[in-house]
Amino acid sequence: MVEEQQQPWSLAQTQAFFSERAATWETKYGHDMPAYAKAVGQLPVPQGAVAIDVGCGTGRAMPALRDAVGPKGAVIGFDVTSEMLEMAVTLGRRAYGALVLGDANRLPLSSASVDVVFAAGLLGHVAQADVVLAELARVARPGAHLALFHPVSRAALATRRGRTLSPDDLLAQPVLRGVLDRTGWRLETYDDAEDRFFAAAQRREEYAGGR
């Protein structure tokens, strides 16, 4: 059975997809939390930093982000699906940071206010990746770090979505590098391993785009 539909996703489709799955999401995918912690651990997160988890779902990255920023830092998880945020609250993830209903296309944050952006599976569920990445660049301080993560490989993700892996896929290295470059990011790490996908980028200081 095809678990996810192909892009582009509308906001309504994304909310419908995840609202139907929120109650069982942690049961199916909670075992991925060590992989999330490993991904966060690869980012140079300074103590006292402001870290956001965009498309946080049930908040699986939030404990690791809290450990990384320390008690004087701030962690905010954003998601467009209220049911996923409610499940995050039920699971106690509010102890690690704030949980906010928010759209990655227009985050309720000031420009240049964030040090670390974590996004797991986000780009596969948005209509325009360029718009979202430019918005993430807007809220990020120059020099801030971005992690794009998925706890399975590109090949496994393509199979899950019922399609064939293509060199034109958004997460293919040359494509992703180009999208990041024009939206204010510099790709620094790219790892499409058998058991995960991880790409890290840094906010370019000279970028003046965004809203």
C-alpha atoms as a PDB file:
ATOM      1  CA  MET A   1       0.000   0.000   0.000  1.00  0.00           C
ATOM      2  CA  VAL A   2       1.311   3.457  -0.870  1.00  0.00           C
ATOM      3  CA  GLU A   3       1.628   5.331   2.410  1.00  0.00           C
ATOM      4  CA  GLU A   4       2.225   8.818   1.073  1.00  0.00           C
ATOM      5  CA  GLN A   5       1.112  10.600  -2.061  1.00  0.00           C
ATOM      6  CA  GLN A   6       3.385  12.405  -4.456  1.00  0.00           C
ATOM      7  CA  GLN A   7       4.136  16.125  -4.367  1.00  0.00           C
ATOM      8  CA  PRO A   8       2.920  18.765  -4.413  1.00  0.00           C
ATOM      9  CA  TRP A   9       1.003  18.682  -1.175  1.00  0.00           C
ATOM     10  CA  SER A  10      -1.560  21.307  -0.313  1.00  0.00           C
ATOM     11  CA  LEU A  11      -1.868  22.471   3.273  1.00  0.00           C
ATOM     12  CA  ALA A  12      -5.259  20.763   3.564  1.00  0.00           C
ATOM     13  CA  GLN A  13      -3.849  17.466   2.266  1.00  0.00           C
ATOM     14  CA  THR A  14      -0.952  17.588   4.703  1.00  0.00           C
ATOM     15  CA  GLN A  15      -3.246  18.281   7.638  1.00  0.00           C
ATOM     16  CA  ALA A  16      -5.647  15.526   6.604  1.00  0.00           C
ATOM     17  CA  PHE A  17      -2.838  13.002   6.134  1.00  0.00           C
ATOM     18  CA  PHE A  18      -1.265  13.593   9.528  1.00  0.00           C
ATOM     19  CA  SER A  19      -4.448  14.139  11.511  1.00  0.00           C
ATOM     20  CA  GLU A  20      -5.596  10.647  10.530  1.00  0.00           C
ATOM     21  CA  ARG A  21      -2.283   9.135  11.656  1.00  0.00           C
ATOM     22  CA  ALA A  22      -1.487  11.171  14.764  1.00  0.00           C
ATOM     23  CA  ALA A  23      -2.867   8.653  17.270  1.00  0.00           C
ATOM     24  CA  THR A  24      -0.626   5.826  16.030  1.00  0.00           C
ATOM     25  CA  TRP A  25       2.381   7.822  14.801  1.00  0.00           C
ATOM     26  CA  GLU A  26       4.533   7.266  17.869  1.00  0.00           C
ATOM     27  CA  THR A  27       3.637   3.588  17.999  1.00  0.00           C
ATOM     28  CA  LYS A  28       4.854   3.156  14.437  1.00  0.00           C
ATOM     29  CA  TYR A  29       7.844   5.492  14.471  1.00  0.00           C
ATOM     30  CA  GLY A  30       8.829   6.164  18.080  1.00  0.00           C
ATOM     31  CA  HIS A  31      11.774   3.773  17.725  1.00  0.00           C
ATOM     32  CA  ASP A  32      13.405   6.375  15.454  1.00  0.00           C
ATOM     33  CA  MET A  33      14.210   8.729  18.348  1.00  0.00           C
ATOM     34  CA  PRO A  34      17.874   7.618  18.665  1.00  0.00           C
ATOM     35  CA  ALA A  35      18.338   8.451  14.973  1.00  0.00           C
ATOM     36  CA  TYR A  36      16.875  11.896  15.609  1.00  0.00           C
ATOM     37  CA  ALA A  37      19.256  12.385  18.530  1.00  0.00           C
ATOM     38  CA  LYS A  38      22.209  11.369  16.354  1.00  0.00           C
ATOM     39  CA  ALA A  39      21.180  13.878  13.678  1.00  0.00           C
ATOM     40  CA  VAL A  40      20.857  16.702  16.198  1.00  0.00           C
ATOM     41  CA  GLY A  41      24.239  15.706  17.617  1.00  0.00           C
ATOM     42  CA  GLN A  42      25.877  16.353  14.244  1.00  0.00           C
ATOM     43  CA  LEU A  43      24.917  20.023  14.356  1.00  0.00           C
ATOM     44  CA  PRO A  44      27.147  22.615  16.041  1.00  0.00           C
ATOM     45  CA  VAL A  45      24.496  23.766  18.499  1.00  0.00           C
ATOM     46  CA  PRO A  46      25.790  26.354  20.991  1.00  0.00           C
ATOM     47  CA  GLN A  47      24.553  26.372  24.562  1.00  0.00           C
ATOM     48  CA  GLY A  48      21.847  29.000  24.968  1.00  0.00           C
ATOM     49  CA  ALA A  49      20.835  28.789  21.305  1.00  0.00           C
ATOM     50  CA  VAL A  50      17.326  29.142  19.894  1.00  0.00           C
ATOM     51  CA  ALA A  51      16.430  25.927  18.062  1.00  0.00           C
ATOM     52  CA  ILE A  52      13.265  25.257  16.095  1.00  0.00           C
ATOM     53  CA  ASP A  53      11.855  21.953  14.886  1.00  0.00           C
ATOM     54  CA  VAL A  54       9.743  22.708  11.815  1.00  0.00           C
ATOM     55  CA  GLY A  55       7.193  20.025  11.041  1.00  0.00           C
ATOM     56  CA  CYS A  56       7.864  18.607  14.497  1.00  0.00           C
ATOM     57  CA  GLY A  57       4.980  16.124  14.511  1.00  0.00           C
ATOM     58  CA  THR A  58       5.002  14.362  17.871  1.00  0.00           C
ATOM     59  CA  GLY A  59       8.231  16.140  18.832  1.00  0.00           C
ATOM     60  CA  ARG A  60      10.708  13.287  18.481  1.00  0.00           C
ATOM     61  CA  ALA A  61      13.649  15.686  18.017  1.00  0.00           C
ATOM     62  CA  MET A  62      12.756  17.958  20.916  1.00  0.00           C
ATOM     63  CA  PRO A  63      14.498  16.061  23.757  1.00  0.00           C
ATOM     64  CA  ALA A  64      17.768  16.050  21.810  1.00  0.00           C
ATOM     65  CA  LEU A  65      17.392  19.707  20.872  1.00  0.00           C
ATOM     66  CA  ARG A  66      16.770  20.603  24.524  1.00  0.00           C
ATOM     67  CA  ASP A  67      19.910  18.742  25.587  1.00  0.00           C
ATOM     68  CA  ALA A  68      21.873  20.547  22.884  1.00  0.00           C
ATOM     69  CA  VAL A  69      20.785  24.109  23.717  1.00  0.00           C
ATOM     70  CA  GLY A  70      20.901  23.601  27.468  1.00  0.00           C
ATOM     71  CA  PRO A  71      18.722  25.162  30.164  1.00  0.00           C
ATOM     72  CA  LYS A  72      19.314  28.716  28.938  1.00  0.00           C
ATOM     73  CA  GLY A  73      18.386  27.921  25.353  1.00  0.00           C
ATOM     74  CA  ALA A  74      14.967  27.787  23.724  1.00  0.00           C
ATOM     75  CA  VAL A  75      13.289  25.025  21.718  1.00  0.00           C
ATOM     76  CA  ILE A  76      10.136  25.568  19.676  1.00  0.00           C
ATOM     77  CA  GLY A  77       8.324  22.882  17.713  1.00  0.00           C
ATOM     78  CA  PHE A  78       6.060  23.964  14.850  1.00  0.00           C
ATOM     79  CA  ASP A  79       3.497  21.826  13.068  1.00  0.00           C
ATOM     80  CA  VAL A  80       0.432  22.529  10.908  1.00  0.00           C
ATOM     81  CA  THR A  81      -1.568  19.613  12.323  1.00  0.00           C
ATOM     82  CA  SER A  82      -3.197  20.183  15.692  1.00  0.00           C
ATOM     83  CA  GLU A  83      -3.676  16.459  16.282  1.00  0.00           C
ATOM     84  CA  MET A  84       0.066  15.846  16.034  1.00  0.00           C
ATOM     85  CA  LEU A  85       0.752  18.633  18.505  1.00  0.00           C
ATOM     86  CA  GLU A  86      -1.873  17.248  20.872  1.00  0.00           C
ATOM     87  CA  MET A  87      -0.129  13.878  20.735  1.00  0.00           C
ATOM     88  CA  ALA A  88       3.188  15.607  21.421  1.00  0.00           C
ATOM     89  CA  VAL A  89       1.640  17.150  24.547  1.00  0.00           C
ATOM     90  CA  THR A  90       0.267  13.755  25.612  1.00  0.00           C
ATOM     91  CA  LEU A  91       3.754  12.272  25.235  1.00  0.00           C
ATOM     92  CA  GLY A  92       5.230  14.946  27.492  1.00  0.00           C
ATOM     93  CA  ARG A  93       7.214  16.735  24.808  1.00  0.00           C
ATOM     94  CA  ARG A  94       6.135  20.138  26.109  1.00  0.00           C
ATOM     95  CA  ALA A  95       8.683  19.598  28.887  1.00  0.00           C
ATOM     96  CA  TYR A  96      11.399  20.177  26.270  1.00  0.00           C
ATOM     97  CA  GLY A  97      10.061  23.317  24.635  1.00  0.00           C
ATOM     98  CA  ALA A  98       7.066  25.175  23.243  1.00  0.00           C
ATOM     99  CA  LEU A  99       4.690  23.526  20.781  1.00  0.00           C
ATOM    100  CA  VAL A 100       3.117  25.909  18.282  1.00  0.00           C
ATOM    101  CA  LEU A 101       0.564  25.473  15.518  1.00  0.00           C
ATOM    102  CA  GLY A 102       2.323  27.118  12.589  1.00  0.00           C
ATOM    103  CA  ASP A 103       2.864  26.907   8.847  1.00  0.00           C
ATOM    104  CA  ALA A 104       6.431  26.544   7.533  1.00  0.00           C
ATOM    105  CA  ASN A 105       5.546  28.947   4.713  1.00  0.00           C
ATOM    106  CA  ARG A 106       5.152  31.802   7.200  1.00  0.00           C
ATOM    107  CA  LEU A 107       6.488  31.202  10.683  1.00  0.00           C
ATOM    108  CA  PRO A 108       5.426  33.469  13.551  1.00  0.00           C
ATOM    109  CA  LEU A 109       9.024  34.469  14.286  1.00  0.00           C
ATOM    110  CA  SER A 110      11.083  37.600  13.851  1.00  0.00           C
ATOM    111  CA  SER A 111      13.725  37.685  11.143  1.00  0.00           C
ATOM    112  CA  ALA A 112      17.220  36.530  12.157  1.00  0.00           C
ATOM    113  CA  SER A 113      16.037  35.150  15.505  1.00  0.00           C
ATOM    114  CA  VAL A 114      16.988  31.451  15.268  1.00  0.00           C
ATOM    115  CA  ASP A 115      20.336  29.649  15.594  1.00  0.00           C
ATOM    116  CA  VAL A 116      19.340  26.101  14.596  1.00  0.00           C
ATOM    117  CA  VAL A 117      16.611  24.789  12.295  1.00  0.00           C
ATOM    118  CA  PHE A 118      15.750  21.085  12.355  1.00  0.00           C
ATOM    119  CA  ALA A 119      13.346  19.719   9.757  1.00  0.00           C
ATOM    120  CA  ALA A 120      12.578  16.007   9.519  1.00  0.00           C
ATOM    121  CA  GLY A 121      10.613  14.945   6.460  1.00  0.00           C
ATOM    122  CA  LEU A 122       9.354  18.484   5.969  1.00  0.00           C
ATOM    123  CA  LEU A 123      10.185  19.103   2.313  1.00  0.00           C
ATOM    124  CA  GLY A 124       8.248  16.052   1.200  1.00  0.00           C
ATOM    125  CA  HIS A 125       5.037  17.572   2.545  1.00  0.00           C
ATOM    126  CA  VAL A 126       5.124  21.122   1.209  1.00  0.00           C
ATOM    127  CA  ALA A 127       3.940  22.520  -2.103  1.00  0.00           C
ATOM    128  CA  GLN A 128       6.948  24.792  -2.739  1.00  0.00           C
ATOM    129  CA  ALA A 129      10.263  23.835  -1.180  1.00  0.00           C
ATOM    130  CA  ASP A 130      11.870  27.099  -2.328  1.00  0.00           C
ATOM    131  CA  VAL A 131       9.320  29.152  -0.429  1.00  0.00           C
ATOM    132  CA  VAL A 132       9.757  27.136   2.751  1.00  0.00           C
ATOM    133  CA  LEU A 133      13.554  27.165   2.639  1.00  0.00           C
ATOM    134  CA  ALA A 134      13.555  30.917   2.016  1.00  0.00           C
ATOM    135  CA  GLU A 135      11.283  31.350   5.028  1.00  0.00           C
ATOM    136  CA  LEU A 136      13.639  29.259   7.141  1.00  0.00           C
ATOM    137  CA  ALA A 137      16.488  31.487   5.944  1.00  0.00           C
ATOM    138  CA  ARG A 138      14.480  34.560   6.924  1.00  0.00           C
ATOM    139  CA  VAL A 139      14.086  33.464  10.545  1.00  0.00           C
ATOM    140  CA  ALA A 140      17.664  32.148  10.781  1.00  0.00           C
ATOM    141  CA  ARG A 141      20.544  34.311  11.881  1.00  0.00           C
ATOM    142  CA  PRO A 142      23.490  34.588   9.467  1.00  0.00           C
ATOM    143  CA  GLY A 143      25.668  31.566  10.166  1.00  0.00           C
ATOM    144  CA  ALA A 144      22.778  29.538  11.605  1.00  0.00           C
ATOM    145  CA  HIS A 145      22.590  25.821  10.851  1.00  0.00           C
ATOM    146  CA  LEU A 146      19.857  23.811   9.135  1.00  0.00           C
ATOM    147  CA  ALA A 147      19.378  20.035   9.229  1.00  0.00           C
ATOM    148  CA  LEU A 148      17.157  18.229   6.729  1.00  0.00           C
ATOM    149  CA  PHE A 149      16.624  14.725   8.022  1.00  0.00           C
ATOM    150  CA  HIS A 150      14.697  11.537   7.443  1.00  0.00           C
ATOM    151  CA  PRO A 151      15.229   8.286   9.392  1.00  0.00           C
ATOM    152  CA  VAL A 152      15.264   6.268   6.153  1.00  0.00           C
ATOM    153  CA  SER A 153      17.242   6.609   2.927  1.00  0.00           C
ATOM    154  CA  ARG A 154      16.033   8.400  -0.203  1.00  0.00           C
ATOM    155  CA  ALA A 155      15.530   5.027  -1.872  1.00  0.00           C
ATOM    156  CA  ALA A 156      13.412   3.696   0.986  1.00  0.00           C
ATOM    157  CA  LEU A 157      11.432   6.929   1.074  1.00  0.00           C
ATOM    158  CA  ALA A 158      10.728   6.725  -2.663  1.00  0.00           C
ATOM    159  CA  THR A 159       9.522   3.139  -2.274  1.00  0.00           C
ATOM    160  CA  ARG A 160       7.268   4.149   0.597  1.00  0.00           C
ATOM    161  CA  ARG A 161       5.730   6.813  -1.616  1.00  0.00           C
ATOM    162  CA  GLY A 162       5.199   4.393  -4.470  1.00  0.00           C
ATOM    163  CA  ARG A 163       7.644   5.923  -6.937  1.00  0.00           C
ATOM    164  CA  THR A 164      11.038   5.279  -8.465  1.00  0.00           C
ATOM    165  CA  LEU A 165      14.092   7.116  -7.212  1.00  0.00           C
ATOM    166  CA  SER A 166      15.074   9.799  -9.699  1.00  0.00           C
ATOM    167  CA  PRO A 167      18.141  12.050 -10.128  1.00  0.00           C
ATOM    168  CA  ASP A 168      15.640  14.909 -10.388  1.00  0.00           C
ATOM    169  CA  ASP A 169      14.269  14.303  -6.886  1.00  0.00           C
ATOM    170  CA  LEU A 170      14.397  17.320  -4.614  1.00  0.00           C
ATOM    171  CA  LEU A 171      16.699  15.513  -2.186  1.00  0.00           C
ATOM    172  CA  ALA A 172      19.182  14.413  -4.857  1.00  0.00           C
ATOM    173  CA  GLN A 173      22.452  16.129  -3.988  1.00  0.00           C
ATOM    174  CA  PRO A 174      22.827  18.413  -7.051  1.00  0.00           C
ATOM    175  CA  VAL A 175      19.162  19.433  -6.933  1.00  0.00           C
ATOM    176  CA  LEU A 176      19.149  20.059  -3.206  1.00  0.00           C
ATOM    177  CA  ARG A 177      22.389  22.022  -3.386  1.00  0.00           C
ATOM    178  CA  GLY A 178      20.886  24.323  -6.011  1.00  0.00           C
ATOM    179  CA  VAL A 179      17.651  24.878  -4.093  1.00  0.00           C
ATOM    180  CA  LEU A 180      19.529  25.613  -0.879  1.00  0.00           C
ATOM    181  CA  ASP A 181      21.923  27.978  -2.621  1.00  0.00           C
ATOM    182  CA  ARG A 182      19.189  30.146  -4.088  1.00  0.00           C
ATOM    183  CA  THR A 183      17.269  30.293  -0.810  1.00  0.00           C
ATOM    184  CA  GLY A 184      20.108  31.498   1.390  1.00  0.00           C
ATOM    185  CA  TRP A 185      21.822  28.282   2.462  1.00  0.00           C
ATOM    186  CA  ARG A 186      25.169  26.624   1.768  1.00  0.00           C
ATOM    187  CA  LEU A 187      25.105  22.816   1.753  1.00  0.00           C
ATOM    188  CA  GLU A 188      27.893  21.509   3.968  1.00  0.00           C
ATOM    189  CA  THR A 189      27.064  17.859   4.681  1.00  0.00           C
ATOM    190  CA  TYR A 190      25.204  15.345   2.545  1.00  0.00           C
ATOM    191  CA  ASP A 191      24.682  11.764   3.706  1.00  0.00           C
ATOM    192  CA  ASP A 192      22.206   9.515   1.924  1.00  0.00           C
ATOM    193  CA  ALA A 193      22.997   6.325   3.823  1.00  0.00           C
ATOM    194  CA  GLU A 194      21.196   2.983   3.871  1.00  0.00           C
ATOM    195  CA  ASP A 195      19.426   3.796   7.106  1.00  0.00           C
ATOM    196  CA  ARG A 196      18.839   7.554   6.924  1.00  0.00           C
ATOM    197  CA  PHE A 197      19.055  10.813   4.996  1.00  0.00           C
ATOM    198  CA  PHE A 198      20.876  13.783   6.512  1.00  0.00           C
ATOM    199  CA  ALA A 199      21.827  17.085   4.924  1.00  0.00           C
ATOM    200  CA  ALA A 200      23.235  20.037   6.857  1.00  0.00           C
ATOM    201  CA  ALA A 201      23.502  23.589   5.588  1.00  0.00           C
ATOM    202  CA  GLN A 202      24.597  26.952   6.931  1.00  0.00           C
ATOM    203  CA  ARG A 203      22.776  30.245   6.487  1.00  0.00           C
ATOM    204  CA  ARG A 204      24.840  32.426   4.153  1.00  0.00           C
ATOM    205  CA  GLU A 205      25.724  35.765   5.691  1.00  0.00           C
ATOM    206  CA  GLU A 206      25.396  37.644   2.410  1.00  0.00           C
ATOM    207  CA  TYR A 207      21.869  36.383   1.675  1.00  0.00           C
ATOM    208  CA  ALA A 208      19.309  39.184   1.648  1.00  0.00           C
ATOM    209  CA  GLY A 209      16.244  37.314   0.411  1.00  0.00           C
ATOM    210  CA  GLY A 210      13.229  36.018   2.298  1.00  0.00           C
ATOM    211  CA  ARG A 211      10.288  38.057   3.467  1.00  0.00           C
END
